[in-house]
Amino acid sequence: MSTENAATFDCPECDVSAPSTSVPYDSLGYVLCPVCGYAASPNAEGSPSAGRSPSAGD
């Protein structure tokens, strides 16, 4: 018989670790830290195409 560990959420802001089943999610499905409120959502500023229009060429 094997043992499976449950998935956990590890907050990069406050270092809390919690079972993923006890962590709330926002309306778009991104995880919210139950302790500090950190929202794991995409960051447009860090993407390579930020600030460029979709039709801009290299």
PDB file of N, CA and C in Angstrom:
ATOM      1  N   MET A   1       0.846  -1.168   0.000  1.00  0.00           N
ATOM      2  CA  MET A   1       0.000   0.000   0.000  1.00  0.00           C
ATOM      3  C   MET A   1       0.894   1.234   0.000  1.00  0.00           C
ATOM      4  N   SER A   2       0.640   2.148  -0.939  1.00  0.00           N
ATOM      5  CA  SER A   2       1.455   3.359  -1.010  1.00  0.00           C
ATOM      6  C   SER A   2       0.756   4.525  -0.317  1.00  0.00           C
ATOM      7  N   THR A   3       1.561   5.468   0.084  1.00  0.00           N
ATOM      8  CA  THR A   3       1.037   6.661   0.734  1.00  0.00           C
ATOM      9  C   THR A   3       1.161   7.833  -0.215  1.00  0.00           C
ATOM     10  N   GLU A   4       0.073   8.584  -0.388  1.00  0.00           N
ATOM     11  CA  GLU A   4       0.094   9.756  -1.249  1.00  0.00           C
ATOM     12  C   GLU A   4      -0.044  11.004  -0.391  1.00  0.00           C
ATOM     13  N   ASN A   5       0.818  11.978  -0.630  1.00  0.00           N
ATOM     14  CA  ASN A   5       0.732  13.241   0.082  1.00  0.00           C
ATOM     15  C   ASN A   5      -0.255  14.151  -0.624  1.00  0.00           C
ATOM     16  N   ALA A   6      -1.056  14.854   0.150  1.00  0.00           N
ATOM     17  CA  ALA A   6      -2.011  15.787  -0.422  1.00  0.00           C
ATOM     18  C   ALA A   6      -1.278  16.999  -0.980  1.00  0.00           C
ATOM     19  N   ALA A   7      -1.869  17.625  -1.992  1.00  0.00           N
ATOM     20  CA  ALA A   7      -1.278  18.829  -2.570  1.00  0.00           C
ATOM     21  C   ALA A   7      -1.331  19.960  -1.545  1.00  0.00           C
ATOM     22  N   THR A   8      -0.286  20.767  -1.542  1.00  0.00           N
ATOM     23  CA  THR A   8      -0.238  21.883  -0.601  1.00  0.00           C
ATOM     24  C   THR A   8       0.010  23.190  -1.346  1.00  0.00           C
ATOM     25  N   PHE A   9      -0.415  24.277  -0.719  1.00  0.00           N
ATOM     26  CA  PHE A   9      -0.156  25.624  -1.205  1.00  0.00           C
ATOM     27  C   PHE A   9       0.953  26.210  -0.357  1.00  0.00           C
ATOM     28  N   ASP A  10       2.012  26.691  -0.991  1.00  0.00           N
ATOM     29  CA  ASP A  10       3.124  27.328  -0.292  1.00  0.00           C
ATOM     30  C   ASP A  10       3.172  28.785  -0.735  1.00  0.00           C
ATOM     31  N   CYS A  11       2.852  29.704   0.173  1.00  0.00           N
ATOM     32  CA  CYS A  11       2.792  31.128  -0.147  1.00  0.00           C
ATOM     33  C   CYS A  11       4.205  31.698  -0.301  1.00  0.00           C
ATOM     34  N   PRO A  12       4.486  32.363  -1.424  1.00  0.00           N
ATOM     35  CA  PRO A  12       5.807  32.959  -1.608  1.00  0.00           C
ATOM     36  C   PRO A  12       6.008  34.241  -0.795  1.00  0.00           C
ATOM     37  N   GLU A  13       4.936  34.824  -0.279  1.00  0.00           N
ATOM     38  CA  GLU A  13       5.034  36.064   0.487  1.00  0.00           C
ATOM     39  C   GLU A  13       5.275  35.821   1.981  1.00  0.00           C
ATOM     40  N   CYS A  14       4.465  34.961   2.597  1.00  0.00           N
ATOM     41  CA  CYS A  14       4.560  34.778   4.051  1.00  0.00           C
ATOM     42  C   CYS A  14       5.040  33.378   4.456  1.00  0.00           C
ATOM     43  N   ASP A  15       5.364  32.537   3.493  1.00  0.00           N
ATOM     44  CA  ASP A  15       5.907  31.191   3.729  1.00  0.00           C
ATOM     45  C   ASP A  15       4.975  30.238   4.468  1.00  0.00           C
ATOM     46  N   VAL A  16       3.672  30.514   4.442  1.00  0.00           N
ATOM     47  CA  VAL A  16       2.732  29.583   5.049  1.00  0.00           C
ATOM     48  C   VAL A  16       2.537  28.397   4.101  1.00  0.00           C
ATOM     49  N   SER A  17       2.304  27.236   4.662  1.00  0.00           N
ATOM     50  CA  SER A  17       2.021  26.042   3.891  1.00  0.00           C
ATOM     51  C   SER A  17       0.686  25.488   4.370  1.00  0.00           C
ATOM     52  N   ALA A  18      -0.244  25.277   3.428  1.00  0.00           N
ATOM     53  CA  ALA A  18      -1.577  24.804   3.796  1.00  0.00           C
ATOM     54  C   ALA A  18      -2.059  23.793   2.760  1.00  0.00           C
ATOM     55  N   PRO A  19      -2.909  22.858   3.173  1.00  0.00           N
ATOM     56  CA  PRO A  19      -3.485  21.920   2.208  1.00  0.00           C
ATOM     57  C   PRO A  19      -4.279  22.682   1.161  1.00  0.00           C
ATOM     58  N   SER A  20      -4.125  22.318  -0.102  1.00  0.00           N
ATOM     59  CA  SER A  20      -4.789  23.052  -1.179  1.00  0.00           C
ATOM     60  C   SER A  20      -6.309  23.020  -1.064  1.00  0.00           C
ATOM     61  N   THR A  21      -6.847  22.033  -0.371  1.00  0.00           N
ATOM     62  CA  THR A  21      -8.301  21.954  -0.214  1.00  0.00           C
ATOM     63  C   THR A  21      -8.837  22.972   0.781  1.00  0.00           C
ATOM     64  N   SER A  22      -7.951  23.585   1.595  1.00  0.00           N
ATOM     65  CA  SER A  22      -8.408  24.563   2.579  1.00  0.00           C
ATOM     66  C   SER A  22      -8.085  25.999   2.171  1.00  0.00           C
ATOM     67  N   VAL A  23      -7.541  26.193   0.978  1.00  0.00           N
ATOM     68  CA  VAL A  23      -7.139  27.515   0.510  1.00  0.00           C
ATOM     69  C   VAL A  23      -8.246  28.083  -0.386  1.00  0.00           C
ATOM     70  N   PRO A  24      -8.640  29.355  -0.173  1.00  0.00           N
ATOM     71  CA  PRO A  24      -9.675  29.955  -1.008  1.00  0.00           C
ATOM     72  C   PRO A  24      -9.146  30.362  -2.384  1.00  0.00           C
ATOM     73  N   TYR A  25     -10.044  30.468  -3.337  1.00  0.00           N
ATOM     74  CA  TYR A  25      -9.717  30.874  -4.696  1.00  0.00           C
ATOM     75  C   TYR A  25     -10.584  32.065  -5.082  1.00  0.00           C
ATOM     76  N   ASP A  26     -10.065  32.953  -5.949  1.00  0.00           N
ATOM     77  CA  ASP A  26     -10.864  34.095  -6.389  1.00  0.00           C
ATOM     78  C   ASP A  26     -11.829  33.664  -7.492  1.00  0.00           C
ATOM     79  N   SER A  27     -12.590  34.618  -8.033  1.00  0.00           N
ATOM     80  CA  SER A  27     -13.617  34.293  -9.027  1.00  0.00           C
ATOM     81  C   SER A  27     -13.037  33.775 -10.337  1.00  0.00           C
ATOM     82  N   LEU A  28     -11.750  34.031 -10.597  1.00  0.00           N
ATOM     83  CA  LEU A  28     -11.097  33.525 -11.806  1.00  0.00           C
ATOM     84  C   LEU A  28     -10.358  32.216 -11.576  1.00  0.00           C
ATOM     85  N   GLY A  29     -10.342  31.740 -10.334  1.00  0.00           N
ATOM     86  CA  GLY A  29      -9.713  30.466 -10.018  1.00  0.00           C
ATOM     87  C   GLY A  29      -8.286  30.557  -9.551  1.00  0.00           C
ATOM     88  N   TYR A  30      -7.806  31.772  -9.247  1.00  0.00           N
ATOM     89  CA  TYR A  30      -6.451  31.925  -8.732  1.00  0.00           C
ATOM     90  C   TYR A  30      -6.468  31.805  -7.215  1.00  0.00           C
ATOM     91  N   VAL A  31      -5.422  31.188  -6.689  1.00  0.00           N
ATOM     92  CA  VAL A  31      -5.345  30.917  -5.261  1.00  0.00           C
ATOM     93  C   VAL A  31      -5.111  32.204  -4.465  1.00  0.00           C
ATOM     94  N   LEU A  32      -5.711  32.260  -3.267  1.00  0.00           N
ATOM     95  CA  LEU A  32      -5.533  33.377  -2.336  1.00  0.00           C
ATOM     96  C   LEU A  32      -4.957  32.821  -1.044  1.00  0.00           C
ATOM     97  N   CYS A  33      -3.906  33.442  -0.533  1.00  0.00           N
ATOM     98  CA  CYS A  33      -3.312  32.985   0.716  1.00  0.00           C
ATOM     99  C   CYS A  33      -4.271  33.274   1.864  1.00  0.00           C
ATOM    100  N   PRO A  34      -4.562  32.272   2.702  1.00  0.00           N
ATOM    101  CA  PRO A  34      -5.487  32.482   3.813  1.00  0.00           C
ATOM    102  C   PRO A  34      -4.891  33.321   4.947  1.00  0.00           C
ATOM    103  N   VAL A  35      -3.578  33.548   4.954  1.00  0.00           N
ATOM    104  CA  VAL A  35      -2.937  34.302   6.020  1.00  0.00           C
ATOM    105  C   VAL A  35      -2.686  35.759   5.626  1.00  0.00           C
ATOM    106  N   CYS A  36      -1.983  35.983   4.495  1.00  0.00           N
ATOM    107  CA  CYS A  36      -1.587  37.340   4.122  1.00  0.00           C
ATOM    108  C   CYS A  36      -2.408  37.923   2.983  1.00  0.00           C
ATOM    109  N   GLY A  37      -3.225  37.108   2.305  1.00  0.00           N
ATOM    110  CA  GLY A  37      -4.055  37.597   1.216  1.00  0.00           C
ATOM    111  C   GLY A  37      -3.353  37.641  -0.131  1.00  0.00           C
ATOM    112  N   TYR A  38      -2.149  37.086  -0.247  1.00  0.00           N
ATOM    113  CA  TYR A  38      -1.423  37.034  -1.521  1.00  0.00           C
ATOM    114  C   TYR A  38      -2.295  36.397  -2.585  1.00  0.00           C
ATOM    115  N   ALA A  39      -2.360  37.009  -3.755  1.00  0.00           N
ATOM    116  CA  ALA A  39      -3.148  36.479  -4.863  1.00  0.00           C
ATOM    117  C   ALA A  39      -2.209  36.009  -5.961  1.00  0.00           C
ATOM    118  N   ALA A  40      -2.231  34.725  -6.263  1.00  0.00           N
ATOM    119  CA  ALA A  40      -1.392  34.168  -7.315  1.00  0.00           C
ATOM    120  C   ALA A  40      -2.104  34.343  -8.646  1.00  0.00           C
ATOM    121  N   SER A  41      -1.834  35.463  -9.308  1.00  0.00           N
ATOM    122  CA  SER A  41      -2.450  35.734 -10.601  1.00  0.00           C
ATOM    123  C   SER A  41      -1.372  36.108 -11.603  1.00  0.00           C
ATOM    124  N   PRO A  42      -1.680  36.016 -12.889  1.00  0.00           N
ATOM    125  CA  PRO A  42      -0.674  36.362 -13.899  1.00  0.00           C
ATOM    126  C   PRO A  42      -0.241  37.818 -13.763  1.00  0.00           C
ATOM    127  N   ASN A  43       1.003  38.070 -14.025  1.00  0.00           N
ATOM    128  CA  ASN A  43       1.558  39.414 -13.918  1.00  0.00           C
ATOM    129  C   ASN A  43       1.911  39.898 -15.318  1.00  0.00           C
ATOM    130  N   ALA A  44       1.114  40.785 -15.889  1.00  0.00           N
ATOM    131  CA  ALA A  44       1.338  41.269 -17.244  1.00  0.00           C
ATOM    132  C   ALA A  44       2.637  42.048 -17.371  1.00  0.00           C
ATOM    133  N   GLU A  45       3.082  42.710 -16.300  1.00  0.00           N
ATOM    134  CA  GLU A  45       4.302  43.502 -16.353  1.00  0.00           C
ATOM    135  C   GLU A  45       5.537  42.640 -16.596  1.00  0.00           C
ATOM    136  N   GLY A  46       5.518  41.399 -16.150  1.00  0.00           N
ATOM    137  CA  GLY A  46       6.685  40.538 -16.288  1.00  0.00           C
ATOM    138  C   GLY A  46       6.703  39.724 -17.568  1.00  0.00           C
ATOM    139  N   SER A  47       5.657  39.811 -18.357  1.00  0.00           N
ATOM    140  CA  SER A  47       5.626  39.012 -19.583  1.00  0.00           C
ATOM    141  C   SER A  47       6.474  39.649 -20.663  1.00  0.00           C
ATOM    142  N   PRO A  48       7.048  38.863 -21.558  1.00  0.00           N
ATOM    143  CA  PRO A  48       7.929  39.389 -22.596  1.00  0.00           C
ATOM    144  C   PRO A  48       7.227  40.341 -23.552  1.00  0.00           C
ATOM    145  N   SER A  49       5.921  40.209 -23.728  1.00  0.00           N
ATOM    146  CA  SER A  49       5.203  41.058 -24.673  1.00  0.00           C
ATOM    147  C   SER A  49       4.547  42.253 -24.007  1.00  0.00           C
ATOM    148  N   ALA A  50       4.820  42.514 -22.745  1.00  0.00           N
ATOM    149  CA  ALA A  50       4.206  43.644 -22.048  1.00  0.00           C
ATOM    150  C   ALA A  50       4.645  44.954 -22.694  1.00  0.00           C
ATOM    151  N   GLY A  51       3.682  45.828 -22.918  1.00  0.00           N
ATOM    152  CA  GLY A  51       3.989  47.127 -23.485  1.00  0.00           C
ATOM    153  C   GLY A  51       4.053  47.127 -24.999  1.00  0.00           C
ATOM    154  N   ARG A  52       3.860  45.981 -25.629  1.00  0.00           N
ATOM    155  CA  ARG A  52       3.867  45.919 -27.088  1.00  0.00           C
ATOM    156  C   ARG A  52       2.487  45.544 -27.587  1.00  0.00           C
ATOM    157  N   SER A  53       2.115  46.064 -28.726  1.00  0.00           N
ATOM    158  CA  SER A  53       0.840  45.673 -29.299  1.00  0.00           C
ATOM    159  C   SER A  53       1.002  44.314 -29.949  1.00  0.00           C
ATOM    160  N   PRO A  54      -0.094  43.546 -30.070  1.00  0.00           N
ATOM    161  CA  PRO A  54       0.009  42.208 -30.651  1.00  0.00           C
ATOM    162  C   PRO A  54       0.524  42.211 -32.090  1.00  0.00           C
ATOM    163  N   SER A  55       0.360  43.329 -32.814  1.00  0.00           N
ATOM    164  CA  SER A  55       0.792  43.362 -34.213  1.00  0.00           C
ATOM    165  C   SER A  55       2.193  43.947 -34.382  1.00  0.00           C
ATOM    166  N   ALA A  56       2.848  44.322 -33.290  1.00  0.00           N
ATOM    167  CA  ALA A  56       4.181  44.901 -33.383  1.00  0.00           C
ATOM    168  C   ALA A  56       5.187  43.840 -33.794  1.00  0.00           C
ATOM    169  N   GLY A  57       6.022  44.181 -34.750  1.00  0.00           N
ATOM    170  CA  GLY A  57       7.033  43.228 -35.209  1.00  0.00           C
ATOM    171  C   GLY A  57       8.358  43.455 -34.522  1.00  0.00           C
ATOM    172  N   ASP A  58       9.248  42.476 -34.606  1.00  0.00           N
ATOM    173  CA  ASP A  58      10.578  42.606 -33.988  1.00  0.00           C
ATOM    174  C   ASP A  58      11.555  43.264 -34.906  1.00  0.00           C
TER     175      ASP A  58
END
